[in-house]
Protein backbone atom coordinates (compact mmCIF):
# COMPACT_ATOMS: atom_id res chain seq x y z
CA MET A 1 -103.47 157.38 14.41
CA LEU A 2 -103.96 159.62 11.35
CA ASP A 3 -103.16 162.79 13.30
CA SER A 4 -99.51 161.97 14.04
CA SER A 5 -96.38 161.03 12.12
CA ILE A 6 -96.31 157.47 10.83
CA TRP A 7 -93.08 155.88 9.61
CA ILE A 8 -93.38 152.77 7.47
CA THR A 9 -90.29 150.56 7.36
CA GLY A 10 -89.46 147.38 5.52
CA SER A 11 -87.24 145.82 2.87
CA SER A 12 -87.48 146.55 -0.84
CA LYS A 13 -90.76 145.41 -2.45
CA SER A 14 -92.30 144.72 0.96
CA GLY A 15 -95.35 146.90 0.34
CA LYS A 16 -94.33 150.20 1.95
CA THR A 17 -95.76 152.30 -0.87
CA ALA A 18 -98.99 150.29 -0.88
CA CYS A 19 -99.30 150.92 2.85
CA LEU A 20 -98.76 154.65 2.28
CA VAL A 21 -101.59 154.64 -0.28
CA ASP A 22 -103.83 152.83 2.22
CA TYR A 23 -103.19 155.51 4.86
CA PHE A 24 -103.98 158.17 2.26
CA CYS A 25 -107.33 156.50 1.59
CA LEU A 26 -108.10 156.36 5.32
CA TRP A 27 -107.37 160.07 5.64
CA VAL A 28 -109.55 160.90 2.62
CA GLU A 29 -112.42 158.90 4.10
CA LYS A 30 -112.01 160.67 7.42
CA ILE A 31 -112.26 164.06 5.70
CA ARG A 32 -115.33 163.01 3.75
CA LYS A 33 -117.09 162.11 6.97
CA ASN A 34 -116.07 165.29 8.76
CA ASN A 35 -115.64 168.33 6.50
CA SER A 36 -114.79 170.48 9.53
CA LEU A 37 -111.32 168.95 9.38
CA LEU A 38 -110.60 171.00 6.29
CA ASN A 39 -108.51 173.93 7.52
CA ARG A 40 -108.80 176.12 4.45
CA LYS A 41 -110.10 175.95 0.92
CA THR A 42 -106.52 176.33 -0.32
CA SER A 43 -105.16 173.50 1.83
CA LYS A 44 -103.47 170.67 -0.06
CA ILE A 45 -101.84 167.30 0.46
CA LEU A 46 -98.09 167.40 -0.19
CA VAL A 47 -96.65 164.21 -1.68
CA PHE A 48 -92.93 163.55 -2.12
CA ALA A 49 -91.23 160.95 -4.31
CA ALA A 50 -87.52 160.37 -4.86
CA ASN A 51 -87.47 161.27 -8.57
CA GLY A 52 -89.68 162.32 -11.46
CA ASP A 53 -90.60 158.80 -12.59
CA ASN A 54 -91.56 157.69 -9.07
CA ARG A 55 -93.47 160.93 -8.57
CA GLN A 56 -95.66 160.34 -11.61
CA GLU A 57 -96.35 156.72 -10.67
CA LEU A 58 -97.20 157.57 -7.05
CA ALA A 59 -99.42 160.49 -8.09
CA GLU A 60 -101.41 158.21 -10.39
CA ARG A 61 -101.83 155.57 -7.67
CA LEU A 62 -103.08 158.16 -5.19
CA GLU A 63 -105.44 159.69 -7.72
CA HIS A 64 -106.91 156.30 -8.54
CA ALA A 65 -107.17 155.18 -4.89
CA GLY A 66 -108.65 158.42 -3.56
CA ALA A 67 -110.83 159.44 -6.47
CA GLY A 68 -112.81 162.53 -5.59
CA ALA A 69 -110.59 163.48 -2.64
CA PRO A 70 -111.86 166.73 -1.10
CA VAL A 71 -108.33 168.17 -0.94
CA PRO A 72 -106.05 168.61 -4.00
CA VAL A 73 -102.79 166.68 -4.12
CA HIS A 74 -99.49 168.40 -4.93
CA SER A 75 -96.88 165.81 -5.91
CA THR A 76 -93.23 166.75 -6.30
CA THR A 77 -89.65 165.74 -5.59
CA PRO A 78 -87.58 167.23 -2.74
CA VAL A 79 -85.40 169.13 -5.22
CA GLY A 80 -88.44 170.47 -7.06
CA PHE A 81 -90.17 171.47 -3.83
CA PHE A 82 -87.12 173.27 -2.42
CA GLN A 83 -86.79 175.25 -5.64
CA GLU A 84 -90.48 176.19 -5.66
CA GLU A 85 -90.36 177.36 -2.05
CA VAL A 86 -87.11 179.32 -2.35
CA MET A 87 -88.46 181.12 -5.41
CA LEU A 88 -91.84 181.77 -3.78
CA PHE A 89 -90.40 183.03 -0.50
CA TRP A 90 -87.40 184.85 -1.91
CA PRO A 91 -88.54 188.15 -0.30
CA LEU A 92 -88.34 186.44 3.10
CA LEU A 93 -84.83 185.24 2.34
CA ILE A 94 -83.89 188.76 1.30
CA GLN A 95 -84.86 189.93 4.77
CA ARG A 96 -83.12 187.10 6.61
CA LEU A 97 -79.85 187.25 4.67
CA ASP A 98 -79.83 190.91 3.65
CA LEU A 99 -79.68 189.99 -0.04
CA ARG A 100 -79.70 192.63 -2.76
CA ALA A 101 -80.96 190.71 -5.77
CA GLN A 102 -84.72 191.12 -6.05
CA PHE A 103 -85.31 188.38 -8.63
CA PRO A 104 -83.46 185.05 -8.36
CA LEU A 105 -82.36 183.07 -11.41
CA ARG A 106 -81.49 179.37 -11.40
CA LEU A 107 -78.36 178.56 -13.33
CA ARG A 108 -78.24 175.72 -15.81
CA PRO A 109 -75.48 173.18 -15.03
CA GLU A 110 -73.37 174.22 -18.03
CA THR A 111 -73.59 177.90 -17.02
CA GLU A 112 -72.76 176.99 -13.43
CA GLN A 113 -69.68 175.12 -14.67
CA GLU A 114 -68.53 178.03 -16.82
CA LEU A 115 -68.99 180.71 -14.16
CA ALA A 116 -67.35 178.66 -11.40
CA THR A 117 -64.36 177.90 -13.63
CA GLU A 118 -63.92 181.62 -14.29
CA LEU A 119 -64.30 182.50 -10.61
CA TRP A 120 -61.77 179.85 -9.58
CA ARG A 121 -59.27 180.59 -12.37
CA SER A 122 -56.54 181.68 -9.95
CA GLU A 123 -56.73 178.47 -7.88
CA LEU A 124 -56.85 176.35 -11.03
CA ASP A 125 -53.86 178.04 -12.69
CA LYS A 126 -51.79 177.89 -9.52
CA GLY A 127 -52.51 174.17 -9.15
CA ILE A 128 -54.13 174.60 -5.74
CA LEU A 129 -57.44 173.26 -7.00
CA ARG A 130 -56.01 170.22 -8.72
CA GLN A 131 -56.04 166.46 -8.29
CA GLU A 132 -53.68 164.03 -9.98
CA GLY A 133 -55.23 162.47 -13.07
CA ILE A 134 -58.33 164.68 -12.98
CA SER A 135 -59.01 167.22 -15.71
CA GLU A 136 -59.86 170.84 -14.97
CA TYR A 137 -63.44 170.27 -16.08
CA ARG A 138 -63.87 167.27 -13.77
CA ILE A 139 -62.31 168.91 -10.71
CA VAL A 140 -64.64 171.89 -11.09
CA ARG A 141 -67.64 169.60 -11.55
CA ARG A 142 -66.67 167.45 -8.56
CA THR A 143 -66.25 170.52 -6.39
CA LEU A 144 -69.63 171.94 -7.41
CA ASP A 145 -71.26 168.56 -6.77
CA LEU A 146 -69.96 168.67 -3.20
CA LEU A 147 -72.10 171.74 -2.53
CA GLN A 148 -75.17 169.94 -3.82
CA LEU A 149 -74.43 166.83 -1.74
CA ALA A 150 -73.91 169.00 1.35
CA GLY A 151 -77.12 170.93 0.73
CA MET A 152 -79.25 167.85 0.15
CA SER A 153 -77.88 166.12 3.28
CA GLY A 154 -78.38 169.10 5.58
CA THR A 155 -74.62 169.62 5.98
CA PRO A 156 -73.36 173.20 6.39
CA ALA A 157 -71.00 174.18 3.59
CA GLU A 158 -68.50 175.22 6.26
CA GLU A 159 -68.13 171.56 7.25
CA ILE A 160 -67.31 170.17 3.79
CA LYS A 161 -63.57 170.04 4.52
CA SER A 162 -63.96 167.88 7.62
CA PHE A 163 -66.22 165.42 5.79
CA LEU A 164 -63.74 165.16 2.92
CA GLU A 165 -60.91 164.48 5.34
CA LYS A 166 -62.89 161.68 6.98
CA GLY A 167 -64.36 160.10 3.89
CA MET A 168 -61.83 160.67 1.11
CA GLY A 169 -58.47 160.45 2.81
CA GLY A 170 -57.23 157.76 0.42
CA ASP A 171 -58.73 159.22 -2.77
CA GLY A 172 -55.60 160.93 -4.02
CA GLY A 173 -56.40 164.24 -2.42
CA SER A 174 -54.74 166.19 0.37
CA PRO A 175 -55.70 168.40 3.32
CA GLN A 176 -54.71 171.40 1.17
CA LEU A 177 -57.08 170.32 -1.61
CA TRP A 178 -59.97 169.74 0.78
CA GLU A 179 -59.37 173.17 2.33
CA CYS A 180 -59.27 174.76 -1.12
CA MET A 181 -62.50 173.04 -2.19
CA GLN A 182 -64.32 174.34 0.85
CA GLN A 183 -63.00 177.86 0.45
CA VAL A 184 -63.81 178.16 -3.25
CA LEU A 185 -67.30 176.76 -2.63
CA LEU A 186 -67.99 179.28 0.12
CA ARG A 187 -66.80 182.05 -2.19
CA TRP A 188 -68.91 180.66 -5.03
CA ARG A 189 -72.02 180.45 -2.84
CA ASP A 190 -71.64 184.03 -1.61
CA TRP A 191 -70.85 185.30 -5.11
CA CYS A 192 -74.01 183.69 -6.46
CA LEU A 193 -76.24 184.95 -3.67
CA GLU A 194 -75.01 188.51 -4.18
CA ARG A 195 -76.29 188.26 -7.75
CA GLY A 196 -79.41 186.21 -7.09
CA LEU A 197 -78.01 183.18 -8.93
CA LEU A 198 -79.19 179.82 -7.69
CA THR A 199 -77.93 176.26 -8.14
CA TYR A 200 -79.44 173.07 -6.76
CA GLY A 201 -76.86 173.04 -3.97
CA ILE A 202 -77.50 176.64 -2.98
CA ILE A 203 -81.26 176.15 -3.17
CA ALA A 204 -81.12 173.14 -0.86
CA GLU A 205 -79.01 174.99 1.71
CA LEU A 206 -81.23 178.06 1.58
CA TYR A 207 -84.25 175.90 2.27
CA TRP A 208 -83.12 173.78 5.20
CA ARG A 209 -80.78 176.31 6.78
CA HIS A 210 -82.63 179.61 6.43
CA LEU A 211 -86.20 179.17 5.18
CA LEU A 212 -87.44 176.15 7.07
CA PRO A 213 -86.41 177.43 10.55
CA ASP A 214 -88.24 180.72 9.94
CA GLU A 215 -91.45 180.94 12.00
CA THR A 216 -93.28 183.02 9.41
CA TYR A 217 -92.51 180.50 6.69
CA ARG A 218 -93.60 177.54 8.82
CA LYS A 219 -96.96 179.20 9.49
CA HIS A 220 -97.54 179.59 5.76
CA LEU A 221 -96.39 176.04 5.15
CA THR A 222 -98.74 174.40 7.63
CA ALA A 223 -101.62 176.55 6.38
CA ARG A 224 -101.03 175.35 2.82
CA TYR A 225 -100.58 171.65 3.50
CA GLN A 226 -102.62 169.55 5.89
CA VAL A 227 -100.88 166.26 5.24
CA VAL A 228 -97.40 165.30 4.02
CA LEU A 229 -96.84 161.92 2.38
CA ALA A 230 -93.36 160.77 1.36
CA ASP A 231 -92.10 157.67 -0.41
CA ASP A 232 -88.48 156.41 -0.31
CA VAL A 233 -87.57 158.81 2.51
CA ASP A 234 -84.38 156.85 3.19
CA GLU A 235 -82.95 158.29 -0.04
CA TRP A 236 -83.33 161.89 1.13
CA ARG A 237 -81.87 163.04 4.42
CA SER A 238 -82.99 166.61 3.67
CA LEU A 239 -86.57 165.38 3.37
CA VAL A 240 -86.31 163.77 6.80
CA ILE A 241 -85.19 167.15 8.20
CA TYR A 242 -88.26 168.77 6.63
CA LEU A 243 -90.65 166.13 7.95
CA LYS A 244 -89.30 166.48 11.47
CA TYR A 245 -90.01 170.23 11.37
CA CYS A 246 -93.59 169.47 10.31
C-alpha cells in the first residue's frame, strides 16, 4: 500500500492531514526496518503545502511524528518548488528552448509591472489594451496575473484567449481585448525568456510544459526524492500534474 499513490479525500476538517501524517509514520517505520529501501544517501522526502503558513505547520507535525526519520524532509510550496527546479535546471531549459541567457533572474512584481507597461505602451496608448472603468495600472496587472493563473493551472498561454471568451464574456471585455491580452502576454513571455527574466507565471509554465516532461529531469527528480507528500492538493492543479508524472 505504501508503494503506490494514495489519494485521501474528505470534507474540510475531516482529518485528511492527520491521515497523511499517519502514512508518513508508516513509511518511516518501514524504512527503519529495512534500510535497503533507501535508494541513495541524498534521497529525500518531498512535502508540499498550499502556502507558507501551512508548510511550516505541516513540516513541524511531520518532524514531531517521525522523529529520527532516516531520510531528510524537504517541505515547500508548489510555487517555491517550481522556482527552485527551474533555477537549478536552467542549463537543461537552455538546451530544450535554445535560450541565450546563461543566468536567470526572477523579477519582483513591481519591476514586472514596470517592464510590461513599457513593453505594451503602444497597445495601451492606442486603447487596444483597455477596459472600461479600469486604470492602466490595473489592466496591466490583470493581464500579467492571467499568465500566472494559466501557468499554475497547466494551461498553455496560447489558450488564454479561449478561456477568457468562455469565462469572462459578460465582464465588460470584448473578443478584441481577449485577443490583445493573449498576444501581449505571448510577446512578454518571449521577451523575458530572451533576457533570462522570470516571473511566477513564466516559471510555472517552464516547469510543467518543458522541464517536467524531460526524461533527463525526471531521472534526477526520482533519484532525489523517494516519496512525495502533498496537502490541500485540490488547491493546486499544477501540483496534480506533477504528482501524476511521478
